[in-house]
Amino acid sequence: MRSLLILTAWIAQVLICFYYVRLLPNASVRCIWVLAPCVILTYLTTYDLPQRSMSSMLLGTYCWFASIRLIHWIVMSPNHYNTLVPYVRRLLWMFLPVVSCTEDYRKQWPIHNDFLMSALKITINHWLYRWLLSCSGSDSYPRLLMFFTFAVTYTFFSDFVSGIIRLVTGDKYRHTTTINFPFLAHSLRDFWGRRYNQLVSSVFRESIFQPVRQCLSSATLASLIVFLVSGLLHVHLAWLAVHDLQVALAAMLFFVIHGVACVIEAHLPFRLPVLVSWLYTQIFLLLTASLQIGVFVKAGSDFFPDNAPLFFDQKWIPKLPVPNFCPK
């Protein structure tokens, strides 16, 4: 009953914002009318969710996405949508992020690649999960690398869904690319902008970076604000995960460091050789990873048993042998 009431309140907030708040002439007033209910609803949605649960963090992320979208469309760009249907459709896009499938994409990535990638990812993902499950908690660099690989291969289902969408629509549409080979990132900007978590990147680019850059006429400030908001989001997610202020602040520090590093990258008067740049990027990511994901790796048996990947118990999925040692 409580969940239904909260969902109804979110729907009411979306409609009130469109039909009433959007039409208010004062941007500050619009901001209050959007932000205050969104903060309250996000709190009510997430305050008693289970700790160390990926589903809890996912729900918290959706609350932030909805709030960010509403701030963009109602406060910063009230004329962005003048009719209800595209407004609601775009808001719901985060639940099924479908995009057009271009001719270039079809040539570079045939439909069967989606299914092959899904099969490869699910095999590796389940293998790493069983390996992590057998190990005690540790935030060593090898263990961080294992967890990150587990996280990026967790997107196997979106690859499968993308293949299905392409088959059903005659290759006209696809699921947006969630993870785009992050281990190939040759710079931090390449990692955050093109490689990692493209759903979040799309929302932040459209609803934070672009409107802020237009308002402030500064790509640098817009980039820093994106990382600041991302840091605040992950502070909340870290709090949902463990209710530990130190862990939450570490997550904020992670995004501040990466935001500053990306700005420095953008203003370097020279370019590093590709191989050197790739090596620097991967090392930088690994050295700072513990600030963001260390809490989950250290939790070990307190985290992994309750966060089994999809289809983990299915016997038809190949099971690679788990090594009988744990990286220190």
C-alpha atoms as a PDB file:
ATOM      1  CA  MET A   1       0.000   0.000   0.000  1.00  0.00           C
ATOM      2  CA  ARG A   2       2.795   2.395   0.920  1.00  0.00           C
ATOM      3  CA  SER A   3       4.636   1.681  -2.335  1.00  0.00           C
ATOM      4  CA  LEU A   4       1.475   2.369  -4.326  1.00  0.00           C
ATOM      5  CA  LEU A   5       0.960   5.679  -2.535  1.00  0.00           C
ATOM      6  CA  ILE A   6       4.537   6.743  -3.245  1.00  0.00           C
ATOM      7  CA  LEU A   7       4.213   5.770  -6.909  1.00  0.00           C
ATOM      8  CA  THR A   8       0.973   7.753  -7.107  1.00  0.00           C
ATOM      9  CA  ALA A   9       2.728  10.732  -5.538  1.00  0.00           C
ATOM     10  CA  TRP A  10       5.515  10.545  -8.140  1.00  0.00           C
ATOM     11  CA  ILE A  11       2.943  10.451 -10.947  1.00  0.00           C
ATOM     12  CA  ALA A  12       1.151  13.420  -9.406  1.00  0.00           C
ATOM     13  CA  GLN A  13       4.446  15.316  -9.171  1.00  0.00           C
ATOM     14  CA  VAL A  14       5.185  14.673 -12.842  1.00  0.00           C
ATOM     15  CA  LEU A  15       1.730  15.888 -13.903  1.00  0.00           C
ATOM     16  CA  ILE A  16       1.669  18.902 -11.573  1.00  0.00           C
ATOM     17  CA  CYS A  17       5.076  19.949 -12.853  1.00  0.00           C
ATOM     18  CA  PHE A  18       3.894  19.781 -16.446  1.00  0.00           C
ATOM     19  CA  TYR A  19       0.469  21.372 -16.112  1.00  0.00           C
ATOM     20  CA  TYR A  20       1.139  23.935 -13.380  1.00  0.00           C
ATOM     21  CA  VAL A  21       4.755  24.469 -12.320  1.00  0.00           C
ATOM     22  CA  ARG A  22       6.086  24.673 -15.885  1.00  0.00           C
ATOM     23  CA  LEU A  23       3.867  27.680 -16.554  1.00  0.00           C
ATOM     24  CA  LEU A  24       5.081  29.735 -13.594  1.00  0.00           C
ATOM     25  CA  PRO A  25       7.116  32.733 -14.810  1.00  0.00           C
ATOM     26  CA  ASN A  26       9.722  32.752 -12.034  1.00  0.00           C
ATOM     27  CA  ALA A  27      12.492  30.148 -12.375  1.00  0.00           C
ATOM     28  CA  SER A  28      13.304  30.231  -8.647  1.00  0.00           C
ATOM     29  CA  VAL A  29       9.707  29.451  -7.765  1.00  0.00           C
ATOM     30  CA  ARG A  30       9.644  26.647 -10.322  1.00  0.00           C
ATOM     31  CA  CYS A  31      12.835  25.261  -8.798  1.00  0.00           C
ATOM     32  CA  ILE A  32      11.312  25.140  -5.319  1.00  0.00           C
ATOM     33  CA  TRP A  33       8.133  23.498  -6.601  1.00  0.00           C
ATOM     34  CA  VAL A  34      10.149  20.843  -8.429  1.00  0.00           C
ATOM     35  CA  LEU A  35      13.036  20.263  -6.063  1.00  0.00           C
ATOM     36  CA  ALA A  36      11.266  20.115  -2.699  1.00  0.00           C
ATOM     37  CA  PRO A  37       8.722  17.410  -3.641  1.00  0.00           C
ATOM     38  CA  CYS A  38      11.391  15.412  -5.490  1.00  0.00           C
ATOM     39  CA  VAL A  39      13.669  15.428  -2.443  1.00  0.00           C
ATOM     40  CA  ILE A  40      10.806  14.375  -0.183  1.00  0.00           C
ATOM     41  CA  LEU A  41       9.633  11.657  -2.564  1.00  0.00           C
ATOM     42  CA  THR A  42      13.170  10.348  -3.052  1.00  0.00           C
ATOM     43  CA  TYR A  43      13.567  10.123   0.711  1.00  0.00           C
ATOM     44  CA  LEU A  44      10.225   8.366   1.161  1.00  0.00           C
ATOM     45  CA  THR A  45      11.066   5.967  -1.662  1.00  0.00           C
ATOM     46  CA  THR A  46      14.485   4.979  -0.381  1.00  0.00           C
ATOM     47  CA  TYR A  47      14.817   5.575   3.357  1.00  0.00           C
ATOM     48  CA  ASP A  48      13.994   2.021   4.487  1.00  0.00           C
ATOM     49  CA  LEU A  49      15.306   0.004   1.558  1.00  0.00           C
ATOM     50  CA  PRO A  50      17.520  -3.031   2.307  1.00  0.00           C
ATOM     51  CA  GLN A  51      21.197  -2.220   2.723  1.00  0.00           C
ATOM     52  CA  ARG A  52      23.884  -3.657   0.431  1.00  0.00           C
ATOM     53  CA  SER A  53      21.262  -4.307  -2.222  1.00  0.00           C
ATOM     54  CA  MET A  54      21.817  -3.469  -5.871  1.00  0.00           C
ATOM     55  CA  SER A  55      18.057  -3.178  -6.380  1.00  0.00           C
ATOM     56  CA  SER A  56      17.926  -0.514  -3.654  1.00  0.00           C
ATOM     57  CA  MET A  57      20.661   1.469  -5.373  1.00  0.00           C
ATOM     58  CA  LEU A  58      18.939   1.073  -8.738  1.00  0.00           C
ATOM     59  CA  LEU A  59      15.682   2.428  -7.334  1.00  0.00           C
ATOM     60  CA  GLY A  60      17.545   5.344  -5.796  1.00  0.00           C
ATOM     61  CA  THR A  61      19.157   6.048  -9.166  1.00  0.00           C
ATOM     62  CA  TYR A  62      15.772   6.156 -10.886  1.00  0.00           C
ATOM     63  CA  CYS A  63      14.550   8.686  -8.320  1.00  0.00           C
ATOM     64  CA  TRP A  64      17.546  10.891  -9.097  1.00  0.00           C
ATOM     65  CA  PHE A  65      17.051  10.506 -12.846  1.00  0.00           C
ATOM     66  CA  ALA A  66      13.415  11.570 -12.578  1.00  0.00           C
ATOM     67  CA  SER A  67      14.359  14.554 -10.426  1.00  0.00           C
ATOM     68  CA  ILE A  68      17.157  15.640 -12.773  1.00  0.00           C
ATOM     69  CA  ARG A  69      14.864  15.381 -15.789  1.00  0.00           C
ATOM     70  CA  LEU A  70      12.160  17.447 -14.095  1.00  0.00           C
ATOM     71  CA  ILE A  71      14.633  20.139 -13.045  1.00  0.00           C
ATOM     72  CA  HIS A  72      15.863  20.337 -16.631  1.00  0.00           C
ATOM     73  CA  TRP A  73      12.482  20.388 -18.346  1.00  0.00           C
ATOM     74  CA  ILE A  74      10.492  22.399 -15.818  1.00  0.00           C
ATOM     75  CA  VAL A  75      13.030  24.777 -14.268  1.00  0.00           C
ATOM     76  CA  MET A  76      15.758  25.300 -16.855  1.00  0.00           C
ATOM     77  CA  SER A  77      13.883  24.680 -20.120  1.00  0.00           C
ATOM     78  CA  PRO A  78      10.135  25.051 -19.478  1.00  0.00           C
ATOM     79  CA  ASN A  79       9.399  25.138 -23.207  1.00  0.00           C
ATOM     80  CA  HIS A  80      11.330  21.955 -23.935  1.00  0.00           C
ATOM     81  CA  TYR A  81       8.098  19.932 -24.040  1.00  0.00           C
ATOM     82  CA  ASN A  82       4.751  21.594 -24.716  1.00  0.00           C
ATOM     83  CA  THR A  83       2.688  18.412 -24.987  1.00  0.00           C
ATOM     84  CA  LEU A  84       2.280  15.690 -22.400  1.00  0.00           C
ATOM     85  CA  VAL A  85       2.957  12.536 -24.420  1.00  0.00           C
ATOM     86  CA  PRO A  86       6.584  13.222 -25.469  1.00  0.00           C
ATOM     87  CA  TYR A  87       7.277  14.605 -21.986  1.00  0.00           C
ATOM     88  CA  VAL A  88       6.106  11.411 -20.288  1.00  0.00           C
ATOM     89  CA  ARG A  89       7.613   9.168 -22.951  1.00  0.00           C
ATOM     90  CA  ARG A  90      11.037  10.729 -22.515  1.00  0.00           C
ATOM     91  CA  LEU A  91      10.750  10.498 -18.741  1.00  0.00           C
ATOM     92  CA  LEU A  92       9.985   6.789 -19.004  1.00  0.00           C
ATOM     93  CA  TRP A  93      12.825   6.278 -21.486  1.00  0.00           C
ATOM     94  CA  MET A  94      15.206   5.494 -18.622  1.00  0.00           C
ATOM     95  CA  PHE A  95      13.316   2.245 -17.972  1.00  0.00           C
ATOM     96  CA  LEU A  96      13.625   1.066 -21.582  1.00  0.00           C
ATOM     97  CA  PRO A  97      16.251   3.244 -23.276  1.00  0.00           C
ATOM     98  CA  VAL A  98      15.570   2.544 -26.939  1.00  0.00           C
ATOM     99  CA  VAL A  99      17.373   4.536 -29.631  1.00  0.00           C
ATOM    100  CA  SER A 100      17.426   4.489 -33.418  1.00  0.00           C
ATOM    101  CA  CYS A 101      19.743   1.998 -35.056  1.00  0.00           C
ATOM    102  CA  THR A 102      21.799   3.893 -37.620  1.00  0.00           C
ATOM    103  CA  GLU A 103      23.163   2.421 -40.822  1.00  0.00           C
ATOM    104  CA  ASP A 104      26.730   2.782 -39.564  1.00  0.00           C
ATOM    105  CA  TYR A 105      25.862   0.972 -36.358  1.00  0.00           C
ATOM    106  CA  ARG A 106      24.192  -1.866 -38.266  1.00  0.00           C
ATOM    107  CA  LYS A 107      27.311  -2.306 -40.380  1.00  0.00           C
ATOM    108  CA  GLN A 108      29.729  -2.147 -37.467  1.00  0.00           C
ATOM    109  CA  TRP A 109      27.665  -4.249 -35.071  1.00  0.00           C
ATOM    110  CA  PRO A 110      25.377  -6.882 -36.668  1.00  0.00           C
ATOM    111  CA  ILE A 111      22.466  -8.270 -34.668  1.00  0.00           C
ATOM    112  CA  HIS A 112      24.176 -11.557 -33.909  1.00  0.00           C
ATOM    113  CA  ASN A 113      26.935  -9.642 -32.099  1.00  0.00           C
ATOM    114  CA  ASP A 114      24.410  -8.576 -29.456  1.00  0.00           C
ATOM    115  CA  PHE A 115      23.584 -12.193 -28.679  1.00  0.00           C
ATOM    116  CA  LEU A 116      27.213 -13.304 -28.810  1.00  0.00           C
ATOM    117  CA  MET A 117      28.237 -10.482 -26.479  1.00  0.00           C
ATOM    118  CA  SER A 118      25.377 -11.318 -24.132  1.00  0.00           C
ATOM    119  CA  ALA A 119      26.449 -14.970 -23.997  1.00  0.00           C
ATOM    120  CA  LEU A 120      30.083 -14.046 -23.380  1.00  0.00           C
ATOM    121  CA  LYS A 121      29.202 -11.523 -20.688  1.00  0.00           C
ATOM    122  CA  ILE A 122      26.835 -13.797 -18.788  1.00  0.00           C
ATOM    123  CA  THR A 123      29.413 -16.587 -18.752  1.00  0.00           C
ATOM    124  CA  ILE A 124      32.154 -14.302 -17.426  1.00  0.00           C
ATOM    125  CA  ASN A 125      29.780 -12.534 -15.046  1.00  0.00           C
ATOM    126  CA  HIS A 126      28.567 -15.725 -13.388  1.00  0.00           C
ATOM    127  CA  TRP A 127      32.092 -17.096 -13.219  1.00  0.00           C
ATOM    128  CA  LEU A 128      33.400 -13.957 -11.492  1.00  0.00           C
ATOM    129  CA  TYR A 129      30.416 -13.912  -9.158  1.00  0.00           C
ATOM    130  CA  ARG A 130      31.075 -17.476  -8.014  1.00  0.00           C
ATOM    131  CA  TRP A 131      34.749 -16.613  -7.569  1.00  0.00           C
ATOM    132  CA  LEU A 132      34.011 -13.459  -5.563  1.00  0.00           C
ATOM    133  CA  LEU A 133      31.459 -15.390  -3.539  1.00  0.00           C
ATOM    134  CA  SER A 134      34.146 -17.840  -2.456  1.00  0.00           C
ATOM    135  CA  CYS A 135      36.546 -15.118  -1.309  1.00  0.00           C
ATOM    136  CA  SER A 136      36.648 -13.095   1.875  1.00  0.00           C
ATOM    137  CA  GLY A 137      36.336  -9.321   1.657  1.00  0.00           C
ATOM    138  CA  SER A 138      39.316  -7.351   0.373  1.00  0.00           C
ATOM    139  CA  ASP A 139      39.827  -4.148  -1.601  1.00  0.00           C
ATOM    140  CA  SER A 140      43.149  -5.152  -3.123  1.00  0.00           C
ATOM    141  CA  TYR A 141      43.761  -4.042  -6.692  1.00  0.00           C
ATOM    142  CA  PRO A 142      43.219  -7.527  -8.183  1.00  0.00           C
ATOM    143  CA  ARG A 143      39.939  -7.812  -6.286  1.00  0.00           C
ATOM    144  CA  LEU A 144      38.849  -4.348  -7.427  1.00  0.00           C
ATOM    145  CA  LEU A 145      39.589  -5.352 -11.006  1.00  0.00           C
ATOM    146  CA  MET A 146      37.548  -8.527 -10.559  1.00  0.00           C
ATOM    147  CA  PHE A 147      34.602  -6.590  -9.176  1.00  0.00           C
ATOM    148  CA  PHE A 148      34.738  -3.956 -11.901  1.00  0.00           C
ATOM    149  CA  THR A 149      34.760  -6.670 -14.563  1.00  0.00           C
ATOM    150  CA  PHE A 150      31.833  -8.314 -12.787  1.00  0.00           C
ATOM    151  CA  ALA A 151      29.991  -4.979 -12.844  1.00  0.00           C
ATOM    152  CA  VAL A 152      30.557  -4.232 -16.532  1.00  0.00           C
ATOM    153  CA  THR A 153      29.583  -7.759 -17.594  1.00  0.00           C
ATOM    154  CA  TYR A 154      26.407  -7.423 -15.525  1.00  0.00           C
ATOM    155  CA  THR A 155      24.980  -5.665 -18.586  1.00  0.00           C
ATOM    156  CA  PHE A 156      24.568  -8.958 -20.459  1.00  0.00           C
ATOM    157  CA  PHE A 157      20.791  -8.643 -20.265  1.00  0.00           C
ATOM    158  CA  SER A 158      20.737  -5.258 -22.018  1.00  0.00           C
ATOM    159  CA  ASP A 159      22.746  -6.774 -24.884  1.00  0.00           C
ATOM    160  CA  PHE A 160      20.203  -9.569 -25.167  1.00  0.00           C
ATOM    161  CA  VAL A 161      17.294  -7.105 -25.051  1.00  0.00           C
ATOM    162  CA  SER A 162      18.989  -5.003 -27.715  1.00  0.00           C
ATOM    163  CA  GLY A 163      19.197  -8.011 -30.008  1.00  0.00           C
ATOM    164  CA  ILE A 164      15.520  -8.804 -29.462  1.00  0.00           C
ATOM    165  CA  ILE A 165      14.495  -5.195 -30.136  1.00  0.00           C
ATOM    166  CA  ARG A 166      16.513  -5.160 -33.343  1.00  0.00           C
ATOM    167  CA  LEU A 167      14.918  -8.405 -34.513  1.00  0.00           C
ATOM    168  CA  VAL A 168      11.386  -7.249 -33.696  1.00  0.00           C
ATOM    169  CA  THR A 169      11.793  -3.795 -35.287  1.00  0.00           C
ATOM    170  CA  GLY A 170      13.632  -4.949 -38.381  1.00  0.00           C
ATOM    171  CA  ASP A 171      16.914  -3.475 -37.110  1.00  0.00           C
ATOM    172  CA  LYS A 172      15.436   0.026 -36.843  1.00  0.00           C
ATOM    173  CA  TYR A 173      15.807   0.372 -33.079  1.00  0.00           C
ATOM    174  CA  ARG A 174      18.068  -0.964 -30.361  1.00  0.00           C
ATOM    175  CA  HIS A 175      18.683  -0.740 -26.646  1.00  0.00           C
ATOM    176  CA  THR A 176      21.129   2.055 -25.943  1.00  0.00           C
ATOM    177  CA  THR A 177      24.671   0.834 -25.411  1.00  0.00           C
ATOM    178  CA  THR A 178      25.175   0.541 -21.671  1.00  0.00           C
ATOM    179  CA  ILE A 179      28.827  -0.429 -21.518  1.00  0.00           C
ATOM    180  CA  ASN A 180      31.091   0.219 -24.492  1.00  0.00           C
ATOM    181  CA  PHE A 181      34.339  -1.661 -23.858  1.00  0.00           C
ATOM    182  CA  PRO A 182      35.596   0.507 -20.960  1.00  0.00           C
ATOM    183  CA  PHE A 183      38.929  -1.304 -20.890  1.00  0.00           C
ATOM    184  CA  LEU A 184      39.670   0.341 -24.247  1.00  0.00           C
ATOM    185  CA  ALA A 185      39.240   3.871 -22.880  1.00  0.00           C
ATOM    186  CA  HIS A 186      42.261   5.961 -23.853  1.00  0.00           C
ATOM    187  CA  SER A 187      41.406   8.902 -21.603  1.00  0.00           C
ATOM    188  CA  LEU A 188      39.215   9.644 -18.611  1.00  0.00           C
ATOM    189  CA  ARG A 189      36.927  11.737 -20.791  1.00  0.00           C
ATOM    190  CA  ASP A 190      36.642   8.826 -23.202  1.00  0.00           C
ATOM    191  CA  PHE A 191      35.823   6.522 -20.289  1.00  0.00           C
ATOM    192  CA  TRP A 192      33.085   8.703 -18.806  1.00  0.00           C
ATOM    193  CA  GLY A 193      31.751  10.147 -22.037  1.00  0.00           C
ATOM    194  CA  ARG A 194      31.700   7.136 -24.373  1.00  0.00           C
ATOM    195  CA  ARG A 195      32.584   3.938 -22.574  1.00  0.00           C
ATOM    196  CA  TYR A 196      31.045   3.553 -19.140  1.00  0.00           C
ATOM    197  CA  ASN A 197      27.365   3.552 -18.142  1.00  0.00           C
ATOM    198  CA  GLN A 198      25.990   5.284 -21.202  1.00  0.00           C
ATOM    199  CA  LEU A 199      22.486   5.479 -19.749  1.00  0.00           C
ATOM    200  CA  VAL A 200      23.703   7.731 -16.940  1.00  0.00           C
ATOM    201  CA  SER A 201      25.936   9.581 -19.376  1.00  0.00           C
ATOM    202  CA  SER A 202      22.982  10.283 -21.689  1.00  0.00           C
ATOM    203  CA  VAL A 203      20.794  11.641 -18.896  1.00  0.00           C
ATOM    204  CA  PHE A 204      23.574  13.796 -17.479  1.00  0.00           C
ATOM    205  CA  ARG A 205      24.644  15.074 -20.886  1.00  0.00           C
ATOM    206  CA  GLU A 206      21.119  16.037 -21.938  1.00  0.00           C
ATOM    207  CA  SER A 207      19.791  17.332 -18.634  1.00  0.00           C
ATOM    208  CA  ILE A 208      22.851  18.783 -16.891  1.00  0.00           C
ATOM    209  CA  PHE A 209      25.833  19.365 -19.167  1.00  0.00           C
ATOM    210  CA  GLN A 210      24.078  20.856 -22.192  1.00  0.00           C
ATOM    211  CA  PRO A 211      21.680  23.219 -20.379  1.00  0.00           C
ATOM    212  CA  VAL A 212      24.355  24.327 -17.894  1.00  0.00           C
ATOM    213  CA  ARG A 213      26.876  24.934 -20.673  1.00  0.00           C
ATOM    214  CA  GLN A 214      24.289  26.971 -22.544  1.00  0.00           C
ATOM    215  CA  CYS A 215      23.485  28.962 -19.415  1.00  0.00           C
ATOM    216  CA  LEU A 216      27.054  29.556 -18.231  1.00  0.00           C
ATOM    217  CA  SER A 217      28.799  29.467 -21.628  1.00  0.00           C
ATOM    218  CA  SER A 218      31.473  27.251 -20.115  1.00  0.00           C
ATOM    219  CA  ALA A 219      32.033  23.592 -20.906  1.00  0.00           C
ATOM    220  CA  THR A 220      34.516  23.390 -18.025  1.00  0.00           C
ATOM    221  CA  LEU A 221      32.023  24.524 -15.390  1.00  0.00           C
ATOM    222  CA  ALA A 222      29.329  22.345 -16.920  1.00  0.00           C
ATOM    223  CA  SER A 223      31.632  19.314 -16.709  1.00  0.00           C
ATOM    224  CA  LEU A 224      32.501  20.016 -13.086  1.00  0.00           C
ATOM    225  CA  ILE A 225      28.827  20.403 -12.194  1.00  0.00           C
ATOM    226  CA  VAL A 226      28.065  17.065 -13.867  1.00  0.00           C
ATOM    227  CA  PHE A 227      30.698  15.343 -11.734  1.00  0.00           C
ATOM    228  CA  LEU A 228      29.455  17.174  -8.642  1.00  0.00           C
ATOM    229  CA  VAL A 229      25.895  15.969  -9.219  1.00  0.00           C
ATOM    230  CA  SER A 230      27.172  12.482  -9.983  1.00  0.00           C
ATOM    231  CA  GLY A 231      29.119  12.602  -6.733  1.00  0.00           C
ATOM    232  CA  LEU A 232      26.012  13.597  -4.784  1.00  0.00           C
ATOM    233  CA  LEU A 233      24.068  10.796  -6.446  1.00  0.00           C
ATOM    234  CA  HIS A 234      26.696   8.257  -5.444  1.00  0.00           C
ATOM    235  CA  VAL A 235      26.879   9.681  -1.925  1.00  0.00           C
ATOM    236  CA  HIS A 236      23.203   8.849  -1.629  1.00  0.00           C
ATOM    237  CA  LEU A 237      23.705   5.403  -3.158  1.00  0.00           C
ATOM    238  CA  ALA A 238      26.626   4.701  -0.829  1.00  0.00           C
ATOM    239  CA  TRP A 239      24.486   5.749   2.112  1.00  0.00           C
ATOM    240  CA  LEU A 240      21.713   3.437   0.941  1.00  0.00           C
ATOM    241  CA  ALA A 241      24.255   0.633   0.687  1.00  0.00           C
ATOM    242  CA  VAL A 242      25.971   0.859   4.070  1.00  0.00           C
ATOM    243  CA  HIS A 243      24.738   3.895   6.050  1.00  0.00           C
ATOM    244  CA  ASP A 244      28.353   4.939   6.550  1.00  0.00           C
ATOM    245  CA  LEU A 245      29.246   8.630   6.205  1.00  0.00           C
ATOM    246  CA  GLN A 246      32.923   7.911   5.546  1.00  0.00           C
ATOM    247  CA  VAL A 247      32.052   5.638   2.631  1.00  0.00           C
ATOM    248  CA  ALA A 248      29.647   8.247   1.271  1.00  0.00           C
ATOM    249  CA  LEU A 249      32.291  10.975   1.437  1.00  0.00           C
ATOM    250  CA  ALA A 250      34.798   8.684  -0.285  1.00  0.00           C
ATOM    251  CA  ALA A 251      32.347   8.323  -3.172  1.00  0.00           C
ATOM    252  CA  MET A 252      32.110  12.109  -3.396  1.00  0.00           C
ATOM    253  CA  LEU A 253      35.893  12.405  -3.379  1.00  0.00           C
ATOM    254  CA  PHE A 254      36.102   9.893  -6.225  1.00  0.00           C
ATOM    255  CA  PHE A 255      33.946  12.022  -8.510  1.00  0.00           C
ATOM    256  CA  VAL A 256      35.617  15.272  -7.501  1.00  0.00           C
ATOM    257  CA  ILE A 257      39.010  13.778  -8.374  1.00  0.00           C
ATOM    258  CA  HIS A 258      37.758  12.475 -11.704  1.00  0.00           C
ATOM    259  CA  GLY A 259      35.999  15.721 -12.536  1.00  0.00           C
ATOM    260  CA  VAL A 260      39.150  17.744 -11.936  1.00  0.00           C
ATOM    261  CA  ALA A 261      41.249  15.190 -13.838  1.00  0.00           C
ATOM    262  CA  CYS A 262      38.906  15.371 -16.839  1.00  0.00           C
ATOM    263  CA  VAL A 263      39.117  19.171 -16.867  1.00  0.00           C
ATOM    264  CA  ILE A 264      42.915  19.011 -16.725  1.00  0.00           C
ATOM    265  CA  GLU A 265      42.883  16.500 -19.579  1.00  0.00           C
ATOM    266  CA  ALA A 266      40.735  18.806 -21.682  1.00  0.00           C
ATOM    267  CA  HIS A 267      43.140  21.715 -21.239  1.00  0.00           C
ATOM    268  CA  LEU A 268      46.436  19.932 -21.741  1.00  0.00           C
ATOM    269  CA  PRO A 269      48.472  21.722 -24.430  1.00  0.00           C
ATOM    270  CA  PHE A 270      49.661  18.382 -25.801  1.00  0.00           C
ATOM    271  CA  ARG A 271      48.404  14.866 -26.415  1.00  0.00           C
ATOM    272  CA  LEU A 272      50.019  11.777 -25.029  1.00  0.00           C
ATOM    273  CA  PRO A 273      50.741   8.849 -27.351  1.00  0.00           C
ATOM    274  CA  VAL A 274      47.708   6.569 -27.530  1.00  0.00           C
ATOM    275  CA  LEU A 275      49.353   3.664 -25.713  1.00  0.00           C
ATOM    276  CA  VAL A 276      50.673   5.906 -22.939  1.00  0.00           C
ATOM    277  CA  SER A 277      47.293   7.607 -22.610  1.00  0.00           C
ATOM    278  CA  TRP A 278      45.513   4.252 -22.415  1.00  0.00           C
ATOM    279  CA  LEU A 279      47.923   2.987 -19.761  1.00  0.00           C
ATOM    280  CA  TYR A 280      47.609   6.163 -17.703  1.00  0.00           C
ATOM    281  CA  THR A 281      43.799   5.983 -17.889  1.00  0.00           C
ATOM    282  CA  GLN A 282      43.581   2.376 -16.740  1.00  0.00           C
ATOM    283  CA  ILE A 283      46.075   2.909 -13.915  1.00  0.00           C
ATOM    284  CA  PHE A 284      44.294   6.064 -12.758  1.00  0.00           C
ATOM    285  CA  LEU A 285      40.959   4.250 -12.720  1.00  0.00           C
ATOM    286  CA  LEU A 286      42.411   1.344 -10.775  1.00  0.00           C
ATOM    287  CA  LEU A 287      44.188   3.551  -8.225  1.00  0.00           C
ATOM    288  CA  THR A 288      41.025   5.510  -7.451  1.00  0.00           C
ATOM    289  CA  ALA A 289      38.526   2.649  -7.738  1.00  0.00           C
ATOM    290  CA  SER A 290      38.574   1.781  -4.039  1.00  0.00           C
ATOM    291  CA  LEU A 291      36.987   5.148  -3.233  1.00  0.00           C
ATOM    292  CA  GLN A 292      33.895   4.133  -5.185  1.00  0.00           C
ATOM    293  CA  ILE A 293      33.610   0.341  -5.216  1.00  0.00           C
ATOM    294  CA  GLY A 294      35.941  -0.649  -2.393  1.00  0.00           C
ATOM    295  CA  VAL A 295      33.067  -0.856   0.084  1.00  0.00           C
ATOM    296  CA  PHE A 296      31.346  -3.581  -1.935  1.00  0.00           C
ATOM    297  CA  VAL A 297      34.480  -5.633  -2.455  1.00  0.00           C
ATOM    298  CA  LYS A 298      35.432  -5.390   1.222  1.00  0.00           C
ATOM    299  CA  ALA A 299      31.921  -6.430   2.244  1.00  0.00           C
ATOM    300  CA  GLY A 300      32.482  -9.802   0.587  1.00  0.00           C
ATOM    301  CA  SER A 301      30.027 -12.308   2.021  1.00  0.00           C
ATOM    302  CA  ASP A 302      27.840  -9.472   3.342  1.00  0.00           C
ATOM    303  CA  PHE A 303      27.230  -8.188  -0.187  1.00  0.00           C
ATOM    304  CA  PHE A 304      27.475 -10.902  -2.811  1.00  0.00           C
ATOM    305  CA  PRO A 305      25.011 -13.550  -1.531  1.00  0.00           C
ATOM    306  CA  ASP A 306      22.135 -11.047  -1.685  1.00  0.00           C
ATOM    307  CA  ASN A 307      23.055  -9.706  -5.125  1.00  0.00           C
ATOM    308  CA  ALA A 308      23.176 -12.713  -7.395  1.00  0.00           C
ATOM    309  CA  PRO A 309      23.126 -11.829 -11.106  1.00  0.00           C
ATOM    310  CA  LEU A 310      20.166 -12.692 -13.305  1.00  0.00           C
ATOM    311  CA  PHE A 311      19.773 -16.364 -14.254  1.00  0.00           C
ATOM    312  CA  PHE A 312      22.493 -17.373 -11.826  1.00  0.00           C
ATOM    313  CA  ASP A 313      20.784 -20.643 -10.906  1.00  0.00           C
ATOM    314  CA  GLN A 314      20.014 -21.662 -14.478  1.00  0.00           C
ATOM    315  CA  LYS A 315      21.739 -24.919 -15.355  1.00  0.00           C
ATOM    316  CA  TRP A 316      21.870 -24.252 -19.093  1.00  0.00           C
ATOM    317  CA  ILE A 317      24.414 -21.449 -18.650  1.00  0.00           C
ATOM    318  CA  PRO A 318      28.017 -22.682 -19.004  1.00  0.00           C
ATOM    319  CA  LYS A 319      29.910 -22.674 -15.722  1.00  0.00           C
ATOM    320  CA  LEU A 320      33.617 -22.049 -15.924  1.00  0.00           C
ATOM    321  CA  PRO A 321      35.718 -23.661 -13.191  1.00  0.00           C
ATOM    322  CA  VAL A 322      36.387 -21.343 -10.264  1.00  0.00           C
ATOM    323  CA  PRO A 323      40.057 -21.054  -9.240  1.00  0.00           C
ATOM    324  CA  ASN A 324      40.860 -22.484  -5.823  1.00  0.00           C
ATOM    325  CA  PHE A 325      42.602 -19.300  -4.676  1.00  0.00           C
ATOM    326  CA  CYS A 326      41.598 -15.702  -4.020  1.00  0.00           C
ATOM    327  CA  PRO A 327      43.702 -12.792  -5.281  1.00  0.00           C
ATOM    328  CA  LYS A 328      45.215 -10.939  -2.360  1.00  0.00           C
END
